[in-house]
PDB file of N, CA and C in Angstrom:
ATOM      1  N   MET A   1       0.879  -1.050   0.001  1.00  0.00           N
ATOM      2  CA  MET A   1      -0.198  -0.090   0.324  1.00  0.00           C
ATOM      3  C   MET A   1       1.095   1.408  -0.049  1.00  0.00           C
ATOM      4  N   ASP A   2       0.379   2.293  -0.622  1.00  0.00           N
ATOM      5  CA  ASP A   2       1.036   3.596  -0.826  1.00  0.00           C
ATOM      6  C   ASP A   2       0.645   4.706   0.280  1.00  0.00           C
ATOM      7  N   LEU A   3       1.985   4.660   1.389  1.00  0.00           N
ATOM      8  CA  LEU A   3       1.199   5.466   2.597  1.00  0.00           C
ATOM      9  C   LEU A   3       0.816   6.608   2.255  1.00  0.00           C
ATOM     10  N   LYS A   4       1.412   6.932   1.050  1.00  0.00           N
ATOM     11  CA  LYS A   4       1.201   8.829   0.568  1.00  0.00           C
ATOM     12  C   LYS A   4       0.214   8.548  -0.057  1.00  0.00           C
ATOM     13  N   LYS A   5      -0.547   7.930  -0.059  1.00  0.00           N
ATOM     14  CA  LYS A   5      -2.179   7.846  -0.695  1.00  0.00           C
ATOM     15  C   LYS A   5      -3.311   7.488   0.166  1.00  0.00           C
ATOM     16  N   SER A   6      -2.933   7.768   1.298  1.00  0.00           N
ATOM     17  CA  SER A   6      -3.663   6.938   2.531  1.00  0.00           C
ATOM     18  C   SER A   6      -4.983   7.729   2.500  1.00  0.00           C
ATOM     19  N   LYS A   7      -6.167   7.520   2.643  1.00  0.00           N
ATOM     20  CA  LYS A   7      -7.336   8.202   3.110  1.00  0.00           C
ATOM     21  C   LYS A   7      -7.507   7.873   4.724  1.00  0.00           C
ATOM     22  N   ALA A   8      -6.373   8.264   5.492  1.00  0.00           N
ATOM     23  CA  ALA A   8      -6.133   8.267   6.797  1.00  0.00           C
ATOM     24  C   ALA A   8      -6.650   9.864   7.155  1.00  0.00           C
ATOM     25  N   PRO A   9      -7.520  10.076   8.162  1.00  0.00           N
ATOM     26  CA  PRO A   9      -7.505  11.449   8.238  1.00  0.00           C
ATOM     27  C   PRO A   9      -5.931  11.821   8.842  1.00  0.00           C
ATOM     28  N   HIS A  10      -5.901  13.247   8.597  1.00  0.00           N
ATOM     29  CA  HIS A  10      -4.765  14.033   9.373  1.00  0.00           C
ATOM     30  C   HIS A  10      -4.832  14.531  10.335  1.00  0.00           C
ATOM     31  N   ASN A  11      -5.682  14.543  11.396  1.00  0.00           N
ATOM     32  CA  ASN A  11      -6.439  14.978  12.776  1.00  0.00           C
ATOM     33  C   ASN A  11      -7.184  13.828  13.285  1.00  0.00           C
ATOM     34  N   THR A  12      -6.814  13.901  14.379  1.00  0.00           N
ATOM     35  CA  THR A  12      -7.378  12.399  15.416  1.00  0.00           C
ATOM     36  C   THR A  12      -8.782  13.071  15.645  1.00  0.00           C
ATOM     37  N   ILE A  13      -9.399  11.734  15.633  1.00  0.00           N
ATOM     38  CA  ILE A  13     -11.093  11.336  15.666  1.00  0.00           C
ATOM     39  C   ILE A  13     -11.184  10.528  16.473  1.00  0.00           C
ATOM     40  N   THR A  14     -12.509  10.937  17.571  1.00  0.00           N
ATOM     41  CA  THR A  14     -12.921  10.111  18.893  1.00  0.00           C
ATOM     42  C   THR A  14     -13.490   8.658  17.951  1.00  0.00           C
ATOM     43  N   ARG A  15     -13.085   7.261  18.650  1.00  0.00           N
ATOM     44  CA  ARG A  15     -13.373   6.637  17.862  1.00  0.00           C
ATOM     45  C   ARG A  15     -13.983   5.614  18.937  1.00  0.00           C
ATOM     46  N   ASP A  16     -14.924   4.693  18.302  1.00  0.00           N
ATOM     47  CA  ASP A  16     -15.630   3.850  19.389  1.00  0.00           C
ATOM     48  C   ASP A  16     -14.577   2.289  19.877  1.00  0.00           C
ATOM     49  N   MET A  17     -13.973   2.298  20.742  1.00  0.00           N
ATOM     50  CA  MET A  17     -13.352   0.972  20.765  1.00  0.00           C
ATOM     51  C   MET A  17     -13.795  -0.084  21.084  1.00  0.00           C
ATOM     52  N   ASN A  18     -15.520  -0.052  21.339  1.00  0.00           N
ATOM     53  CA  ASN A  18     -16.076  -1.223  21.621  1.00  0.00           C
ATOM     54  C   ASN A  18     -16.425  -1.934  20.284  1.00  0.00           C
ATOM     55  N   GLU A  19     -16.808  -1.176  19.482  1.00  0.00           N
ATOM     56  CA  GLU A  19     -17.099  -1.369  18.004  1.00  0.00           C
ATOM     57  C   GLU A  19     -16.188  -1.585  17.328  1.00  0.00           C
ATOM     58  N   MET A  20     -14.813  -1.078  17.408  1.00  0.00           N
ATOM     59  CA  MET A  20     -13.574  -1.415  16.523  1.00  0.00           C
ATOM     60  C   MET A  20     -12.717  -2.661  17.196  1.00  0.00           C
ATOM     61  N   SER A  21     -12.941  -2.943  18.291  1.00  0.00           N
ATOM     62  CA  SER A  21     -12.498  -4.121  18.782  1.00  0.00           C
ATOM     63  C   SER A  21     -13.581  -5.424  18.483  1.00  0.00           C
ATOM     64  N   GLN A  22     -14.569  -5.420  17.975  1.00  0.00           N
ATOM     65  CA  GLN A  22     -15.403  -6.469  17.917  1.00  0.00           C
ATOM     66  C   GLN A  22     -14.762  -7.542  16.750  1.00  0.00           C
ATOM     67  N   ARG A  23     -14.126  -7.530  15.968  1.00  0.00           N
ATOM     68  CA  ARG A  23     -13.357  -8.244  15.227  1.00  0.00           C
ATOM     69  C   ARG A  23     -12.336  -8.989  15.748  1.00  0.00           C
ATOM     70  N   VAL A  24     -11.775  -8.357  16.858  1.00  0.00           N
ATOM     71  CA  VAL A  24     -10.712  -8.955  17.622  1.00  0.00           C
ATOM     72  C   VAL A  24     -10.939  -9.710  19.022  1.00  0.00           C
ATOM     73  N   GLY A  25     -11.983  -9.144  19.586  1.00  0.00           N
ATOM     74  CA  GLY A  25     -12.590  -9.370  20.586  1.00  0.00           C
ATOM     75  C   GLY A  25     -11.822  -9.347  21.807  1.00  0.00           C
ATOM     76  N   ASN A  26     -11.031  -8.276  21.756  1.00  0.00           N
ATOM     77  CA  ASN A  26     -10.305  -7.604  23.133  1.00  0.00           C
ATOM     78  C   ASN A  26      -9.739  -6.447  23.054  1.00  0.00           C
ATOM     79  N   VAL A  27      -9.940  -5.302  23.280  1.00  0.00           N
ATOM     80  CA  VAL A  27      -9.621  -3.692  23.356  1.00  0.00           C
ATOM     81  C   VAL A  27      -8.051  -4.169  23.278  1.00  0.00           C
ATOM     82  N   TYR A  28      -7.673  -4.452  23.969  1.00  0.00           N
ATOM     83  CA  TYR A  28      -6.029  -4.416  24.143  1.00  0.00           C
ATOM     84  C   TYR A  28      -5.111  -5.048  23.359  1.00  0.00           C
ATOM     85  N   GLU A  29      -5.560  -5.884  22.438  1.00  0.00           N
ATOM     86  CA  GLU A  29      -5.524  -6.839  21.588  1.00  0.00           C
ATOM     87  C   GLU A  29      -5.595  -5.827  20.120  1.00  0.00           C
ATOM     88  N   THR A  30      -6.719  -5.071  20.153  1.00  0.00           N
ATOM     89  CA  THR A  30      -6.749  -4.139  19.062  1.00  0.00           C
ATOM     90  C   THR A  30      -5.975  -3.352  18.997  1.00  0.00           C
ATOM     91  N   VAL A  31      -5.701  -2.767  20.126  1.00  0.00           N
ATOM     92  CA  VAL A  31      -4.424  -1.357  20.577  1.00  0.00           C
ATOM     93  C   VAL A  31      -2.921  -1.977  20.255  1.00  0.00           C
ATOM     94  N   ALA A  32      -3.048  -3.241  20.442  1.00  0.00           N
ATOM     95  CA  ALA A  32      -1.587  -3.833  19.970  1.00  0.00           C
ATOM     96  C   ALA A  32      -1.563  -4.102  18.775  1.00  0.00           C
ATOM     97  N   ILE A  33      -2.257  -4.216  18.182  1.00  0.00           N
ATOM     98  CA  ILE A  33      -2.400  -4.501  16.740  1.00  0.00           C
ATOM     99  C   ILE A  33      -1.857  -2.896  16.148  1.00  0.00           C
ATOM    100  N   ILE A  34      -3.038  -2.383  16.571  1.00  0.00           N
ATOM    101  CA  ILE A  34      -2.850  -1.244  15.626  1.00  0.00           C
ATOM    102  C   ILE A  34      -1.005  -0.393  16.141  1.00  0.00           C
ATOM    103  N   ALA A  35      -0.821  -0.354  17.112  1.00  0.00           N
ATOM    104  CA  ALA A  35       0.189   0.233  17.603  1.00  0.00           C
ATOM    105  C   ALA A  35       1.479  -0.619  16.639  1.00  0.00           C
ATOM    106  N   LYS A  36       1.163  -1.992  16.427  1.00  0.00           N
ATOM    107  CA  LYS A  36       2.817  -2.824  15.907  1.00  0.00           C
ATOM    108  C   LYS A  36       2.389  -2.242  14.587  1.00  0.00           C
ATOM    109  N   ARG A  37       1.676  -1.965  13.574  1.00  0.00           N
ATOM    110  CA  ARG A  37       1.528  -1.419  12.491  1.00  0.00           C
ATOM    111  C   ARG A  37       1.893  -0.136  12.229  1.00  0.00           C
ATOM    112  N   ALA A  38       1.630   0.889  13.517  1.00  0.00           N
ATOM    113  CA  ALA A  38       1.839   2.218  13.503  1.00  0.00           C
ATOM    114  C   ALA A  38       3.441   2.435  13.310  1.00  0.00           C
ATOM    115  N   ASN A  39       4.143   1.271  14.299  1.00  0.00           N
ATOM    116  CA  ASN A  39       5.890   1.255  14.155  1.00  0.00           C
ATOM    117  C   ASN A  39       6.248   0.431  12.996  1.00  0.00           C
ATOM    118  N   GLU A  40       5.230  -0.366  12.317  1.00  0.00           N
ATOM    119  CA  GLU A  40       6.003  -0.485  10.969  1.00  0.00           C
ATOM    120  C   GLU A  40       5.658   0.312  10.187  1.00  0.00           C
ATOM    121  N   VAL A  41       4.353   1.239  10.117  1.00  0.00           N
ATOM    122  CA  VAL A  41       4.488   2.321   9.236  1.00  0.00           C
ATOM    123  C   VAL A  41       5.607   3.321   9.250  1.00  0.00           C
ATOM    124  N   SER A  42       6.088   3.293  10.528  1.00  0.00           N
ATOM    125  CA  SER A  42       6.775   4.716  11.015  1.00  0.00           C
ATOM    126  C   SER A  42       8.393   4.256  10.679  1.00  0.00           C
ATOM    127  N   ALA A  43       8.859   3.453  10.547  1.00  0.00           N
ATOM    128  CA  ALA A  43      10.115   2.533  10.513  1.00  0.00           C
ATOM    129  C   ALA A  43       9.795   2.957   8.526  1.00  0.00           C
ATOM    130  N   GLU A  44       8.690   2.556   8.348  1.00  0.00           N
ATOM    131  CA  GLU A  44       9.006   2.534   6.155  1.00  0.00           C
ATOM    132  C   GLU A  44       9.037   3.788   5.865  1.00  0.00           C
ATOM    133  N   LEU A  45       7.987   4.816   6.806  1.00  0.00           N
ATOM    134  CA  LEU A  45       8.430   6.353   6.466  1.00  0.00           C
ATOM    135  C   LEU A  45       9.625   7.165   6.271  1.00  0.00           C
ATOM    136  N   LYS A  46      10.243   6.700   7.941  1.00  0.00           N
ATOM    137  CA  LYS A  46      11.658   6.808   7.798  1.00  0.00           C
ATOM    138  C   LYS A  46      12.811   6.785   7.111  1.00  0.00           C
ATOM    139  N   HIS A  47      12.523   5.449   6.682  1.00  0.00           N
ATOM    140  CA  HIS A  47      13.343   4.823   5.845  1.00  0.00           C
ATOM    141  C   HIS A  47      13.557   5.330   4.532  1.00  0.00           C
ATOM    142  N   GLU A  48      12.300   5.396   4.036  1.00  0.00           N
ATOM    143  CA  GLU A  48      11.938   6.304   2.838  1.00  0.00           C
ATOM    144  C   GLU A  48      12.692   7.837   2.379  1.00  0.00           C
ATOM    145  N   LEU A  49      12.172   8.352   3.908  1.00  0.00           N
ATOM    146  CA  LEU A  49      12.786   9.633   3.892  1.00  0.00           C
ATOM    147  C   LEU A  49      14.039   9.871   3.839  1.00  0.00           C
ATOM    148  N   ASP A  50      15.250   8.803   4.547  1.00  0.00           N
ATOM    149  CA  ASP A  50      16.101   9.015   5.046  1.00  0.00           C
ATOM    150  C   ASP A  50      17.075   8.752   3.196  1.00  0.00           C
ATOM    151  N   GLU A  51      16.865   7.606   2.532  1.00  0.00           N
ATOM    152  CA  GLU A  51      16.512   7.188   1.648  1.00  0.00           C
ATOM    153  C   GLU A  51      16.771   8.621   0.031  1.00  0.00           C
ATOM    154  N   LYS A  52      15.545   9.501   0.105  1.00  0.00           N
ATOM    155  CA  LYS A  52      15.567  10.752  -0.387  1.00  0.00           C
ATOM    156  C   LYS A  52      16.586  11.793   0.159  1.00  0.00           C
ATOM    157  N   LEU A  53      16.498  11.721   1.145  1.00  0.00           N
ATOM    158  CA  LEU A  53      17.048  12.899   1.800  1.00  0.00           C
ATOM    159  C   LEU A  53      19.043  12.240   1.817  1.00  0.00           C
ATOM    160  N   ARG A  54      19.222  11.238   1.295  1.00  0.00           N
ATOM    161  CA  ARG A  54      20.714  10.631   1.165  1.00  0.00           C
ATOM    162  C   ARG A  54      21.369  11.363   0.226  1.00  0.00           C
ATOM    163  N   ASP A  55      20.583  11.898  -1.132  1.00  0.00           N
ATOM    164  CA  ASP A  55      21.112  12.217  -1.951  1.00  0.00           C
ATOM    165  C   ASP A  55      21.886  13.619  -1.678  1.00  0.00           C
ATOM    166  N   PHE A  56      21.445  14.158  -0.544  1.00  0.00           N
ATOM    167  CA  PHE A  56      21.944  16.005  -0.291  1.00  0.00           C
ATOM    168  C   PHE A  56      22.639  15.858   1.062  1.00  0.00           C
ATOM    169  N   ALA A  57      22.985  14.525   1.235  1.00  0.00           N
ATOM    170  CA  ALA A  57      23.887  14.742   2.341  1.00  0.00           C
ATOM    171  C   ALA A  57      25.546  14.793   1.569  1.00  0.00           C
ATOM    172  N   SER A  58      26.187  15.721   2.298  1.00  0.00           N
ATOM    173  CA  SER A  58      27.645  15.539   1.777  1.00  0.00           C
ATOM    174  C   SER A  58      28.802  15.467   2.549  1.00  0.00           C
ATOM    175  N   PRO A  59      29.543  14.985   2.417  1.00  0.00           N
ATOM    176  CA  PRO A  59      30.417  13.883   3.173  1.00  0.00           C
ATOM    177  C   PRO A  59      31.349  14.667   4.145  1.00  0.00           C
ATOM    178  N   ASN A  60      31.246  16.510   3.882  1.00  0.00           N
ATOM    179  CA  ASN A  60      32.116  17.128   4.631  1.00  0.00           C
ATOM    180  C   ASN A  60      31.402  18.528   5.504  1.00  0.00           C
ATOM    181  N   ASP A  61      30.160  17.793   5.383  1.00  0.00           N
ATOM    182  CA  ASP A  61      29.094  18.803   6.431  1.00  0.00           C
ATOM    183  C   ASP A  61      29.694  18.946   7.678  1.00  0.00           C
ATOM    184  N   SER A  62      29.585  20.544   8.341  1.00  0.00           N
ATOM    185  CA  SER A  62      29.921  21.260   9.253  1.00  0.00           C
ATOM    186  C   SER A  62      28.857  22.246   9.321  1.00  0.00           C
ATOM    187  N   MET A  63      28.994  22.973  10.679  1.00  0.00           N
ATOM    188  CA  MET A  63      27.504  23.839  11.155  1.00  0.00           C
ATOM    189  C   MET A  63      27.966  24.711   9.955  1.00  0.00           C
ATOM    190  N   GLU A  64      28.829  25.605   9.836  1.00  0.00           N
ATOM    191  CA  GLU A  64      29.110  26.746   8.743  1.00  0.00           C
ATOM    192  C   GLU A  64      28.673  26.531   7.524  1.00  0.00           C
ATOM    193  N   GLU A  65      28.887  25.384   6.905  1.00  0.00           N
ATOM    194  CA  GLU A  65      28.747  24.875   5.579  1.00  0.00           C
ATOM    195  C   GLU A  65      27.068  24.323   5.085  1.00  0.00           C
ATOM    196  N   VAL A  66      26.123  24.927   6.278  1.00  0.00           N
ATOM    197  CA  VAL A  66      25.231  23.945   6.454  1.00  0.00           C
ATOM    198  C   VAL A  66      24.466  25.141   5.381  1.00  0.00           C
ATOM    199  N   PHE A  67      23.548  24.897   4.016  1.00  0.00           N
ATOM    200  CA  PHE A  67      22.837  25.600   3.189  1.00  0.00           C
ATOM    201  C   PHE A  67      21.708  24.919   3.393  1.00  0.00           C
ATOM    202  N   GLU A  68      20.581  26.016   2.959  1.00  0.00           N
ATOM    203  CA  GLU A  68      19.510  25.691   2.194  1.00  0.00           C
ATOM    204  C   GLU A  68      19.126  25.090   1.216  1.00  0.00           C
ATOM    205  N   ASN A  69      18.344  23.747   0.881  1.00  0.00           N
ATOM    206  CA  ASN A  69      18.548  23.248  -0.525  1.00  0.00           C
ATOM    207  C   ASN A  69      16.856  22.984  -1.009  1.00  0.00           C
ATOM    208  N   ARG A  70      16.447  23.801  -1.247  1.00  0.00           N
ATOM    209  CA  ARG A  70      15.059  23.788  -1.565  1.00  0.00           C
ATOM    210  C   ARG A  70      14.575  22.485  -1.798  1.00  0.00           C
ATOM    211  N   GLU A  71      14.843  21.806  -2.911  1.00  0.00           N
ATOM    212  CA  GLU A  71      14.604  20.478  -3.268  1.00  0.00           C
ATOM    213  C   GLU A  71      14.299  19.605  -1.737  1.00  0.00           C
ATOM    214  N   GLN A  72      15.399  19.520  -0.590  1.00  0.00           N
ATOM    215  CA  GLN A  72      15.396  19.090   0.572  1.00  0.00           C
ATOM    216  C   GLN A  72      14.348  19.274   1.108  1.00  0.00           C
ATOM    217  N   ILE A  73      14.198  21.023   0.923  1.00  0.00           N
ATOM    218  CA  ILE A  73      13.136  21.348   1.988  1.00  0.00           C
ATOM    219  C   ILE A  73      11.785  20.995   1.583  1.00  0.00           C
ATOM    220  N   GLU A  74      11.228  20.852   0.210  1.00  0.00           N
ATOM    221  CA  GLU A  74      10.379  20.454  -0.191  1.00  0.00           C
ATOM    222  C   GLU A  74       9.928  18.824  -0.058  1.00  0.00           C
ATOM    223  N   ILE A  75      10.964  18.067  -0.023  1.00  0.00           N
ATOM    224  CA  ILE A  75      10.794  16.726   0.418  1.00  0.00           C
ATOM    225  C   ILE A  75      10.494  16.650   1.774  1.00  0.00           C
ATOM    226  N   SER A  76      11.186  17.048   2.655  1.00  0.00           N
ATOM    227  CA  SER A  76      10.713  17.342   3.895  1.00  0.00           C
ATOM    228  C   SER A  76       9.087  17.490   4.336  1.00  0.00           C
ATOM    229  N   LYS A  77       8.789  18.545   3.560  1.00  0.00           N
ATOM    230  CA  LYS A  77       7.374  19.247   3.710  1.00  0.00           C
ATOM    231  C   LYS A  77       6.208  18.114   3.152  1.00  0.00           C
ATOM    232  N   VAL A  78       6.436  17.524   2.337  1.00  0.00           N
ATOM    233  CA  VAL A  78       5.836  16.589   2.069  1.00  0.00           C
ATOM    234  C   VAL A  78       5.429  15.333   2.972  1.00  0.00           C
ATOM    235  N   TYR A  79       6.538  14.950   3.676  1.00  0.00           N
ATOM    236  CA  TYR A  79       6.326  13.901   4.655  1.00  0.00           C
ATOM    237  C   TYR A  79       5.821  14.617   5.924  1.00  0.00           C
ATOM    238  N   GLU A  80       5.999  15.570   6.428  1.00  0.00           N
ATOM    239  CA  GLU A  80       5.119  16.173   7.726  1.00  0.00           C
ATOM    240  C   GLU A  80       3.912  16.508   7.321  1.00  0.00           C
ATOM    241  N   ARG A  81       3.719  16.642   5.929  1.00  0.00           N
ATOM    242  CA  ARG A  81       1.948  16.670   5.728  1.00  0.00           C
ATOM    243  C   ARG A  81       1.400  15.177   5.734  1.00  0.00           C
ATOM    244  N   LEU A  82       2.057  14.000   5.309  1.00  0.00           N
ATOM    245  CA  LEU A  82       1.583  13.112   5.676  1.00  0.00           C
ATOM    246  C   LEU A  82       0.591  12.723   7.200  1.00  0.00           C
ATOM    247  N   PRO A  83      -0.595  11.981   7.440  1.00  0.00           N
ATOM    248  CA  PRO A  83      -1.008  11.472   8.351  1.00  0.00           C
ATOM    249  C   PRO A  83       0.007  11.040   9.210  1.00  0.00           C
ATOM    250  N   LYS A  84      -0.121  11.048  10.440  1.00  0.00           N
ATOM    251  CA  LYS A  84       0.449  10.803  11.714  1.00  0.00           C
ATOM    252  C   LYS A  84       0.849   8.642  11.377  1.00  0.00           C
ATOM    253  N   PRO A  85       1.767   7.929  11.584  1.00  0.00           N
ATOM    254  CA  PRO A  85       1.861   6.877  11.360  1.00  0.00           C
ATOM    255  C   PRO A  85       0.603   6.028  12.250  1.00  0.00           C
ATOM    256  N   THR A  86       0.100   6.346  13.374  1.00  0.00           N
ATOM    257  CA  THR A  86      -1.230   5.530  14.091  1.00  0.00           C
ATOM    258  C   THR A  86      -2.349   5.972  13.813  1.00  0.00           C
ATOM    259  N   LEU A  87      -2.486   7.573  12.894  1.00  0.00           N
ATOM    260  CA  LEU A  87      -3.575   6.877  12.364  1.00  0.00           C
ATOM    261  C   LEU A  87      -3.785   6.670  11.007  1.00  0.00           C
ATOM    262  N   ILE A  88      -3.165   6.258  10.103  1.00  0.00           N
ATOM    263  CA  ILE A  88      -2.575   5.132   8.886  1.00  0.00           C
ATOM    264  C   ILE A  88      -2.785   3.915   9.261  1.00  0.00           C
ATOM    265  N   ALA A  89      -1.836   3.596  10.430  1.00  0.00           N
ATOM    266  CA  ALA A  89      -2.644   2.171  10.913  1.00  0.00           C
ATOM    267  C   ALA A  89      -4.055   1.895  11.743  1.00  0.00           C
ATOM    268  N   THR A  90      -4.871   2.937  11.814  1.00  0.00           N
ATOM    269  CA  THR A  90      -5.764   2.919  12.615  1.00  0.00           C
ATOM    270  C   THR A  90      -7.009   2.680  11.637  1.00  0.00           C
ATOM    271  N   GLN A  91      -6.809   3.568  10.414  1.00  0.00           N
ATOM    272  CA  GLN A  91      -7.746   3.633   9.275  1.00  0.00           C
ATOM    273  C   GLN A  91      -7.728   2.184   8.377  1.00  0.00           C
ATOM    274  N   GLU A  92      -6.300   1.439   8.686  1.00  0.00           N
ATOM    275  CA  GLU A  92      -6.125   0.418   7.700  1.00  0.00           C
ATOM    276  C   GLU A  92      -6.836  -0.577   8.350  1.00  0.00           C
ATOM    277  N   PHE A  93      -6.564  -1.028  10.222  1.00  0.00           N
ATOM    278  CA  PHE A  93      -7.596  -1.478  10.568  1.00  0.00           C
ATOM    279  C   PHE A  93      -9.176  -1.453  10.416  1.00  0.00           C
ATOM    280  N   ILE A  94      -9.775   0.261  10.690  1.00  0.00           N
ATOM    281  CA  ILE A  94     -11.223  -0.334   9.872  1.00  0.00           C
ATOM    282  C   ILE A  94     -11.602  -0.439   9.046  1.00  0.00           C
ATOM    283  N   ASP A  95     -10.644  -0.302   7.572  1.00  0.00           N
ATOM    284  CA  ASP A  95     -10.334  -0.942   6.378  1.00  0.00           C
ATOM    285  C   ASP A  95     -10.498  -2.272   6.153  1.00  0.00           C
ATOM    286  N   ASP A  96     -10.215  -3.173   7.445  1.00  0.00           N
ATOM    287  CA  ASP A  96      -9.800  -4.423   6.719  1.00  0.00           C
ATOM    288  C   ASP A  96      -8.418  -4.395   6.048  1.00  0.00           C
ATOM    289  N   GLN A  97      -7.847  -3.652   5.945  1.00  0.00           N
ATOM    290  CA  GLN A  97      -6.611  -3.910   5.650  1.00  0.00           C
ATOM    291  C   GLN A  97      -5.264  -4.305   5.900  1.00  0.00           C
ATOM    292  N   LEU A  98      -5.234  -4.793   7.112  1.00  0.00           N
ATOM    293  CA  LEU A  98      -4.073  -5.229   7.804  1.00  0.00           C
ATOM    294  C   LEU A  98      -4.780  -7.206   8.098  1.00  0.00           C
ATOM    295  N   VAL A  99      -3.500  -8.069   7.817  1.00  0.00           N
ATOM    296  CA  VAL A  99      -3.778  -9.336   8.217  1.00  0.00           C
ATOM    297  C   VAL A  99      -2.702  -9.500   9.332  1.00  0.00           C
ATOM    298  N   ILE A 100      -4.129 -10.055  10.511  1.00  0.00           N
ATOM    299  CA  ILE A 100      -3.492 -10.692  11.177  1.00  0.00           C
ATOM    300  C   ILE A 100      -2.998 -12.304  11.408  1.00  0.00           C
ATOM    301  N   LYS A 101      -1.886 -12.170  11.775  1.00  0.00           N
ATOM    302  CA  LYS A 101      -1.360 -13.521  11.701  1.00  0.00           C
ATOM    303  C   LYS A 101      -2.053 -14.948  12.685  1.00  0.00           C
ATOM    304  N   ASN A 102      -2.052 -14.454  13.733  1.00  0.00           N
ATOM    305  CA  ASN A 102      -2.709 -15.411  14.772  1.00  0.00           C
ATOM    306  C   ASN A 102      -4.195 -15.564  14.937  1.00  0.00           C
ATOM    307  N   ALA A 103      -4.718 -15.911  13.437  1.00  0.00           N
ATOM    308  CA  ALA A 103      -5.893 -16.045  13.237  1.00  0.00           C
ATOM    309  C   ALA A 103      -6.966 -17.001  14.222  1.00  0.00           C
ATOM    310  N   THR A 104      -5.985 -17.518  14.314  1.00  0.00           N
ATOM    311  CA  THR A 104      -7.286 -18.816  15.456  1.00  0.00           C
ATOM    312  C   THR A 104      -7.614 -17.935  16.948  1.00  0.00           C
ATOM    313  N   ARG A 105      -6.966 -17.257  17.330  1.00  0.00           N
ATOM    314  CA  ARG A 105      -7.643 -16.203  18.515  1.00  0.00           C
ATOM    315  C   ARG A 105      -8.740 -15.459  18.315  1.00  0.00           C
ATOM    316  N   PHE A 106      -8.621 -14.957  17.019  1.00  0.00           N
ATOM    317  CA  PHE A 106      -9.674 -14.284  16.494  1.00  0.00           C
ATOM    318  C   PHE A 106     -10.682 -14.516  15.915  1.00  0.00           C
ATOM    319  N   LYS A 107     -11.833 -13.461  15.758  1.00  0.00           N
ATOM    320  CA  LYS A 107     -13.093 -14.164  15.360  1.00  0.00           C
ATOM    321  C   LYS A 107     -13.110 -14.309  14.288  1.00  0.00           C
TER     322      LYS A 107
END
């Protein structure tokens, strides 16, 4: 799934945890599943951003030599505008886009 095209909201929304946890049967396991996916999303986004910003890194950077690079700033702004990983993971859980491996424990 392309995380940049996620239809997750950009701000927090109050959710009914009882309704969300019906599929799993346990509120705490639901939160654990969403948290685990949020960590994965965060790692993916960080890796992707690091890969793009690596092009702009120079081996002899010092505090005096730091300069603004317009392309680097634009790339950073794109990632700053994305929904937070927890919001993306929650939306994926609601849309049944997450595969839960331990299916025997869940309804």
